[in-house]
């Protein structure tokens, strides 16, 4: 089976490509970053960005399944940049799927597409997509998800997955950024520190993508409702107290835990000031705080997996405890080898 993975050089994408190769699949990767290590393994590599409409459409030729994991991510940036990559790029991919007869499209979305500024406690897929968010990433991902699901048809079946805070060995974003801020003394507990949050281990996220493809091919185990044209939250199914989990990681690495706090109101006000400064001045990088970050760090964000379990047969294999222990051991290894 011939498969295209957009963003195949990213954290999730690479793990997905590895699993597809293990299955003996013919894999094409479309990404901006050259990947000679993947080409050595037999991957066909296409170097292009999501705003290269012609390249995106052409990449779909001869493909049976597309895993669309690529996106412009982040909590800060120009709205037009996010729109061009996340919305226009996805539209080009949908056009390519239609033009070249691609039978299945598995779209990697995000739970932030249902952002509403409130606690999300056991939220399910009945929540409406956001149309009002202080960050362009959720807004553009929501538009793209809506269009992907609307494009579902008998000729091209589509599905959207919403993995929440992907982590695990090789994570270049979530845990490394948190550790860097903690070691620099710039990490503060936002709010009460009692908010519960879902995460998903990268291998569980890959499982979900492969199960979603199978659901589009064969239907799902229950046989009750078609998974095509639907969205699914994907997590470890084990909500944790976010700041307890962060401190568990820090202690395991011999780092002092985070104890200093800032209220959600103060963090939101600071975020608004930072956003104003970053818009007005030529400051590089992302602001240290935004209103969206403040909300995400202080509020509950955990989700009901009933639909994914029922329709996809999804069952997280790697628990939070096992994954955390493995990650701590891996992160401690360089320090141990250099001492």
Protein backbone atom coordinates (compact mmCIF):
# COMPACT_ATOMS: atom_id res chain seq x y z
CA UNK A 1 0.00 0.00 0.00
CA UNK A 2 1.43 3.38 -1.05
CA UNK A 3 1.30 5.99 1.72
CA UNK A 4 2.09 9.70 1.95
CA UNK A 5 3.05 11.27 5.29
CA UNK A 6 3.17 15.05 5.35
CA UNK A 7 5.45 16.31 8.09
CA UNK A 8 7.21 12.94 8.16
CA UNK A 9 10.37 14.48 9.65
CA UNK A 10 8.53 15.76 12.74
CA UNK A 11 8.20 14.06 16.10
CA UNK A 12 4.91 12.25 15.41
CA UNK A 13 5.59 11.91 11.69
CA UNK A 14 8.91 10.09 12.12
CA UNK A 15 7.43 7.57 14.52
CA UNK A 16 4.56 6.99 12.13
CA UNK A 17 6.93 6.52 9.18
CA UNK A 18 8.96 3.99 11.18
CA UNK A 19 5.87 1.95 11.96
CA UNK A 20 4.70 2.06 8.34
CA UNK A 21 8.11 0.82 7.18
CA UNK A 22 7.93 -1.99 9.74
CA UNK A 23 4.69 -3.04 8.07
CA UNK A 24 6.46 -3.19 4.71
CA UNK A 25 4.61 -0.17 3.32
CA UNK A 26 5.82 2.06 0.48
CA UNK A 27 6.20 5.46 2.12
CA UNK A 28 6.54 8.93 0.66
CA UNK A 29 7.41 11.78 3.01
CA UNK A 30 6.68 15.40 2.19
CA UNK A 31 8.48 17.87 4.45
CA UNK A 32 10.62 20.98 4.42
CA UNK A 33 13.63 19.43 6.18
CA UNK A 34 15.85 17.00 4.22
CA UNK A 35 15.91 13.52 5.73
CA UNK A 36 18.72 11.40 4.23
CA UNK A 37 18.33 8.93 7.11
CA UNK A 38 14.79 8.19 5.95
CA UNK A 39 15.81 7.93 2.30
CA UNK A 40 18.42 5.32 3.25
CA UNK A 41 15.56 3.25 4.64
CA UNK A 42 13.75 3.38 1.30
CA UNK A 43 11.48 6.37 1.92
CA UNK A 44 10.71 8.52 -1.10
CA UNK A 45 11.34 12.09 0.01
CA UNK A 46 9.68 15.18 -1.44
CA UNK A 47 11.03 18.49 -0.18
CA UNK A 48 8.23 21.05 -0.11
CA UNK A 49 6.30 23.23 2.30
CA UNK A 50 2.55 23.19 2.74
CA UNK A 51 2.20 26.52 0.96
CA UNK A 52 3.61 24.99 -2.25
CA UNK A 53 0.21 24.17 -3.70
CA UNK A 54 1.49 22.52 -6.88
CA UNK A 55 3.89 20.26 -4.98
CA UNK A 56 1.21 19.27 -2.47
CA UNK A 57 -1.24 18.27 -5.17
CA UNK A 58 1.41 16.39 -7.19
CA UNK A 59 2.53 14.45 -4.11
CA UNK A 60 -0.86 12.71 -4.01
CA UNK A 61 -0.32 10.90 -7.32
CA UNK A 62 -0.31 7.12 -6.86
CA UNK A 63 -1.13 7.35 -3.14
CA UNK A 64 -3.78 5.28 -1.38
CA UNK A 65 -3.59 6.77 2.14
CA UNK A 66 -2.46 10.22 3.23
CA UNK A 67 -1.48 10.90 6.84
CA UNK A 68 -1.52 14.69 7.12
CA UNK A 69 0.57 15.41 10.24
CA UNK A 70 2.27 18.61 8.99
CA UNK A 71 1.18 22.01 10.27
CA UNK A 72 2.42 25.37 11.39
CA UNK A 73 2.31 25.07 15.16
CA UNK A 74 2.85 27.55 17.96
CA UNK A 75 0.98 30.00 20.12
CA UNK A 76 2.24 33.15 18.45
CA UNK A 77 2.68 34.48 14.94
CA UNK A 78 0.93 36.22 12.11
CA UNK A 79 -2.54 34.87 11.42
CA UNK A 80 -1.92 34.91 7.68
CA UNK A 81 1.09 32.60 8.08
CA UNK A 82 -0.94 30.06 10.04
CA UNK A 83 -3.81 30.35 7.55
CA UNK A 84 -1.56 29.86 4.52
CA UNK A 85 0.00 26.69 5.93
CA UNK A 86 -2.79 25.09 7.93
CA UNK A 87 -5.81 26.01 5.83
CA UNK A 88 -4.58 26.62 2.29
CA UNK A 89 -2.09 23.76 2.54
CA UNK A 90 -4.84 21.39 3.67
CA UNK A 91 -7.10 22.58 0.87
CA UNK A 92 -4.35 21.83 -1.65
CA UNK A 93 -4.00 18.37 -0.15
CA UNK A 94 -7.74 17.77 -0.41
CA UNK A 95 -7.63 18.88 -4.05
CA UNK A 96 -4.76 16.47 -4.65
CA UNK A 97 -6.67 13.63 -3.03
CA UNK A 98 -9.67 14.27 -5.26
CA UNK A 99 -7.60 14.73 -8.42
CA UNK A 100 -5.52 11.58 -7.92
CA UNK A 101 -8.10 9.29 -6.38
CA UNK A 102 -6.58 9.00 -2.92
CA UNK A 103 -8.88 6.72 -1.00
CA UNK A 104 -8.16 7.76 2.61
CA UNK A 105 -7.02 10.88 4.46
CA UNK A 106 -6.14 10.77 8.15
CA UNK A 107 -5.82 14.34 9.41
CA UNK A 108 -3.88 15.21 12.57
CA UNK A 109 -5.90 17.90 14.30
CA UNK A 110 -5.64 19.13 17.91
CA UNK A 111 -7.98 19.33 20.91
CA UNK A 112 -7.47 23.10 20.93
CA UNK A 113 -9.93 23.26 18.02
CA UNK A 114 -12.63 23.21 20.70
CA UNK A 115 -11.01 25.96 22.80
CA UNK A 116 -13.66 28.02 24.60
CA UNK A 117 -11.69 29.61 27.43
CA UNK A 118 -13.32 27.33 30.01
CA UNK A 119 -12.29 24.16 31.84
CA UNK A 120 -12.70 21.06 29.69
CA UNK A 121 -13.48 18.17 32.03
CA UNK A 122 -14.26 14.88 30.33
CA UNK A 123 -15.12 16.77 27.16
CA UNK A 124 -16.32 14.80 24.16
CA UNK A 125 -16.60 15.40 20.43
CA UNK A 126 -19.98 17.14 20.73
CA UNK A 127 -18.20 20.40 21.61
CA UNK A 128 -18.38 22.96 18.78
CA UNK A 129 -15.24 24.04 16.92
CA UNK A 130 -13.78 27.31 18.16
CA UNK A 131 -14.36 30.54 16.31
CA UNK A 132 -12.98 32.81 19.05
CA UNK A 133 -9.48 32.09 20.34
CA UNK A 134 -6.56 34.43 21.18
CA UNK A 135 -4.17 32.23 19.17
CA UNK A 136 -4.25 31.66 15.39
CA UNK A 137 -3.16 28.03 15.62
CA UNK A 138 -6.42 26.62 17.06
CA UNK A 139 -8.49 28.84 14.78
CA UNK A 140 -6.78 27.69 11.59
CA UNK A 141 -6.69 24.05 12.66
CA UNK A 142 -10.43 24.25 13.35
CA UNK A 143 -11.10 25.61 9.86
CA UNK A 144 -8.96 22.88 8.31
CA UNK A 145 -10.58 20.12 10.37
CA UNK A 146 -14.05 21.27 9.37
CA UNK A 147 -13.09 21.19 5.68
CA UNK A 148 -11.39 17.80 5.93
CA UNK A 149 -14.46 16.21 7.48
CA UNK A 150 -16.80 17.96 5.04
CA UNK A 151 -14.75 16.49 2.18
CA UNK A 152 -15.49 12.93 3.29
CA UNK A 153 -17.03 10.97 0.40
CA UNK A 154 -17.36 7.47 -0.99
CA UNK A 155 -14.26 8.04 -3.12
CA UNK A 156 -12.09 9.70 -0.44
CA UNK A 157 -12.82 8.87 3.17
CA UNK A 158 -11.55 11.31 5.77
CA UNK A 159 -11.09 11.27 9.52
CA UNK A 160 -9.59 13.71 12.06
CA UNK A 161 -7.62 12.81 15.19
CA UNK A 162 -7.05 15.22 18.07
CA UNK A 163 -4.00 14.01 20.02
CA UNK A 164 -3.39 16.09 23.14
CA UNK A 165 0.16 17.13 24.16
CA UNK A 166 2.20 14.41 22.47
CA UNK A 167 5.26 13.44 24.49
CA UNK A 168 7.79 10.64 24.85
CA UNK A 169 11.38 9.79 23.84
CA UNK A 170 12.64 12.11 21.13
CA UNK A 171 10.15 14.87 21.96
CA UNK A 172 11.76 18.10 20.69
CA UNK A 173 9.10 20.46 22.01
CA UNK A 174 6.92 19.89 25.08
CA UNK A 175 9.29 18.47 27.71
CA UNK A 176 12.53 20.14 26.50
CA UNK A 177 10.90 23.59 26.55
CA UNK A 178 9.46 22.97 30.00
CA UNK A 179 12.86 21.80 31.32
CA UNK A 180 14.65 24.79 29.80
CA UNK A 181 12.25 27.23 31.44
CA UNK A 182 12.47 25.44 34.79
CA UNK A 183 16.28 25.39 34.73
CA UNK A 184 16.32 29.08 33.87
CA UNK A 185 14.04 29.84 36.82
CA UNK A 186 11.30 31.08 34.50
CA UNK A 187 8.60 28.46 35.17
CA UNK A 188 5.68 29.34 37.42
CA UNK A 189 2.59 27.42 38.43
CA UNK A 190 -0.31 29.26 36.80
CA UNK A 191 -3.51 29.22 38.82
CA UNK A 192 -4.11 26.83 41.72
CA UNK A 193 -1.87 24.06 40.42
CA UNK A 194 -4.76 21.58 40.70
CA UNK A 195 -5.78 21.49 37.04
CA UNK A 196 -6.04 18.06 35.42
CA UNK A 197 -4.67 17.59 31.92
CA UNK A 198 -4.52 14.74 29.42
CA UNK A 199 -1.37 13.91 27.48
CA UNK A 200 -0.66 11.18 24.95
CA UNK A 201 2.50 9.13 24.53
CA UNK A 202 3.79 9.31 20.98
CA UNK A 203 3.50 5.54 20.42
CA UNK A 204 -0.14 5.64 21.49
CA UNK A 205 -0.69 8.52 19.07
CA UNK A 206 0.84 6.45 16.26
CA UNK A 207 -1.40 3.52 17.20
CA UNK A 208 -4.41 5.82 16.87
CA UNK A 209 -3.37 6.96 13.38
CA UNK A 210 -2.97 3.39 12.15
CA UNK A 211 -6.27 2.37 13.73
CA UNK A 212 -7.97 5.34 12.08
CA UNK A 213 -6.71 4.21 8.69
CA UNK A 214 -8.01 0.69 9.35
CA UNK A 215 -11.38 2.10 10.38
CA UNK A 216 -11.58 3.86 7.03
CA UNK A 217 -10.69 0.62 5.24
CA UNK A 218 -12.70 -1.95 7.16
CA UNK A 219 -15.00 -0.07 9.50
CA UNK A 220 -14.56 -0.17 13.26
CA UNK A 221 -14.96 -3.02 15.77
CA UNK A 222 -18.44 -2.12 17.01
CA UNK A 223 -19.89 -2.00 13.53
CA UNK A 224 -22.37 0.62 14.71
CA UNK A 225 -21.30 3.96 13.26
CA UNK A 226 -18.92 4.81 10.45
CA UNK A 227 -15.76 6.54 11.63
CA UNK A 228 -15.43 8.33 8.29
CA UNK A 229 -16.20 12.03 8.46
CA UNK A 230 -15.73 12.15 12.23
CA UNK A 231 -13.20 13.60 14.69
CA UNK A 232 -11.76 11.81 17.74
CA UNK A 233 -9.89 12.92 20.85
CA UNK A 234 -6.76 10.84 21.41
CA UNK A 235 -5.07 10.79 24.84
CA UNK A 236 -3.54 8.37 27.32
CA UNK A 237 -6.90 8.28 29.07
CA UNK A 238 -5.17 9.07 32.39
CA UNK A 239 -5.62 12.74 33.29
CA UNK A 240 -2.83 13.97 35.56
CA UNK A 241 -2.47 16.96 37.81
CA UNK A 242 -0.32 18.91 35.36
CA UNK A 243 2.00 20.55 37.86
CA UNK A 244 2.43 17.36 39.88
CA UNK A 245 3.49 15.57 36.69
CA UNK A 246 5.90 18.35 35.76
CA UNK A 247 7.43 18.25 39.24
CA UNK A 248 7.67 14.47 39.08
CA UNK A 249 9.77 14.84 35.94
CA UNK A 250 11.92 17.54 37.52
CA UNK A 251 12.57 15.52 40.68
CA UNK A 252 13.42 12.46 38.62
CA UNK A 253 16.06 14.55 36.83
CA UNK A 254 17.46 15.94 40.05
CA UNK A 255 15.97 19.38 39.47
CA UNK A 256 14.13 21.43 42.11
CA UNK A 257 10.34 21.35 41.75
CA UNK A 258 8.36 24.37 40.68
CA UNK A 259 6.76 26.01 43.71
CA UNK A 260 6.27 29.67 42.80
CA UNK A 261 2.79 30.59 41.61
CA UNK A 262 1.08 33.27 39.58
CA UNK A 263 -2.68 33.67 39.46
CA UNK A 264 -4.52 33.05 36.22
CA UNK A 265 -5.73 36.66 36.23
CA UNK A 266 -2.18 37.99 36.61
CA UNK A 267 -0.81 35.59 33.99
CA UNK A 268 -3.55 36.60 31.54
CA UNK A 269 -2.82 40.28 32.14
CA UNK A 270 0.89 39.65 31.61
CA UNK A 271 0.07 37.74 28.45
CA UNK A 272 -1.97 40.64 27.09
CA UNK A 273 0.93 43.03 27.75
CA UNK A 274 3.42 40.68 26.08
CA UNK A 275 1.17 40.30 23.04
CA UNK A 276 0.93 44.08 22.70
CA UNK A 277 4.71 44.50 22.94
CA UNK A 278 5.44 41.70 20.46
CA UNK A 279 3.03 43.25 17.97
CA UNK A 280 4.40 46.77 18.38
CA UNK A 281 8.12 46.03 18.52
CA UNK A 282 10.44 43.91 16.37
CA UNK A 283 10.90 41.29 19.09
CA UNK A 284 12.01 37.82 18.07
CA UNK A 285 10.53 34.49 19.03
CA UNK A 286 7.37 33.85 20.99
CA UNK A 287 6.31 35.96 23.99
CA UNK A 288 7.09 34.35 27.36
CA UNK A 289 3.38 34.49 28.16
CA UNK A 290 0.17 34.92 26.16
CA UNK A 291 -3.48 34.80 27.16
CA UNK A 292 -3.80 31.42 25.44
CA UNK A 293 -0.79 29.94 27.28
CA UNK A 294 -2.10 31.22 30.60
CA UNK A 295 -5.43 29.51 30.03
CA UNK A 296 -3.83 26.25 28.91
CA UNK A 297 -1.52 26.11 31.95
CA UNK A 298 -4.23 26.84 34.50
CA UNK A 299 -7.39 25.09 33.32
CA UNK A 300 -8.57 21.49 33.07
CA UNK A 301 -8.10 19.87 29.67
CA UNK A 302 -9.04 16.22 29.70
CA UNK A 303 -11.23 14.30 27.32
CA UNK A 304 -13.63 11.40 26.99
CA UNK A 305 -12.17 8.52 24.92
CA UNK A 306 -15.45 6.65 24.52
CA UNK A 307 -15.77 7.39 20.81
CA UNK A 308 -12.16 6.48 19.95
CA UNK A 309 -12.39 3.24 21.93
CA UNK A 310 -15.72 2.32 20.31
CA UNK A 311 -15.14 3.37 16.71
CA UNK A 312 -11.39 2.85 16.30
CA UNK A 313 -10.68 0.13 18.84
CA UNK A 314 -8.19 2.52 20.42
CA UNK A 315 -6.58 1.37 23.67
CA UNK A 316 -3.51 3.20 24.99
CA UNK A 317 -0.65 0.71 25.31
CA UNK A 318 1.93 2.82 27.15
CA UNK A 319 0.76 4.15 30.49
CA UNK A 320 1.68 7.52 31.93
CA UNK A 321 3.70 5.83 34.69
CA UNK A 322 5.66 3.58 32.33
CA UNK A 323 6.23 6.33 29.78
CA UNK A 324 7.34 8.83 32.42
CA UNK A 325 9.82 6.37 33.96
CA UNK A 326 11.24 5.60 30.51
CA UNK A 327 11.56 9.30 29.66
CA UNK A 328 13.30 10.15 32.93
CA UNK A 329 15.77 7.30 32.40
CA UNK A 330 16.56 8.51 28.88
CA UNK A 331 16.94 12.14 29.93
CA UNK A 332 19.25 11.19 32.80
CA UNK A 333 21.48 9.10 30.56
CA UNK A 334 23.59 11.95 29.02
CA UNK A 335 24.26 13.42 32.45
CA UNK A 336 25.27 10.01 33.78
CA UNK A 337 27.58 9.31 30.82
CA UNK A 338 29.32 12.70 31.08
CA UNK A 339 29.98 12.56 34.81
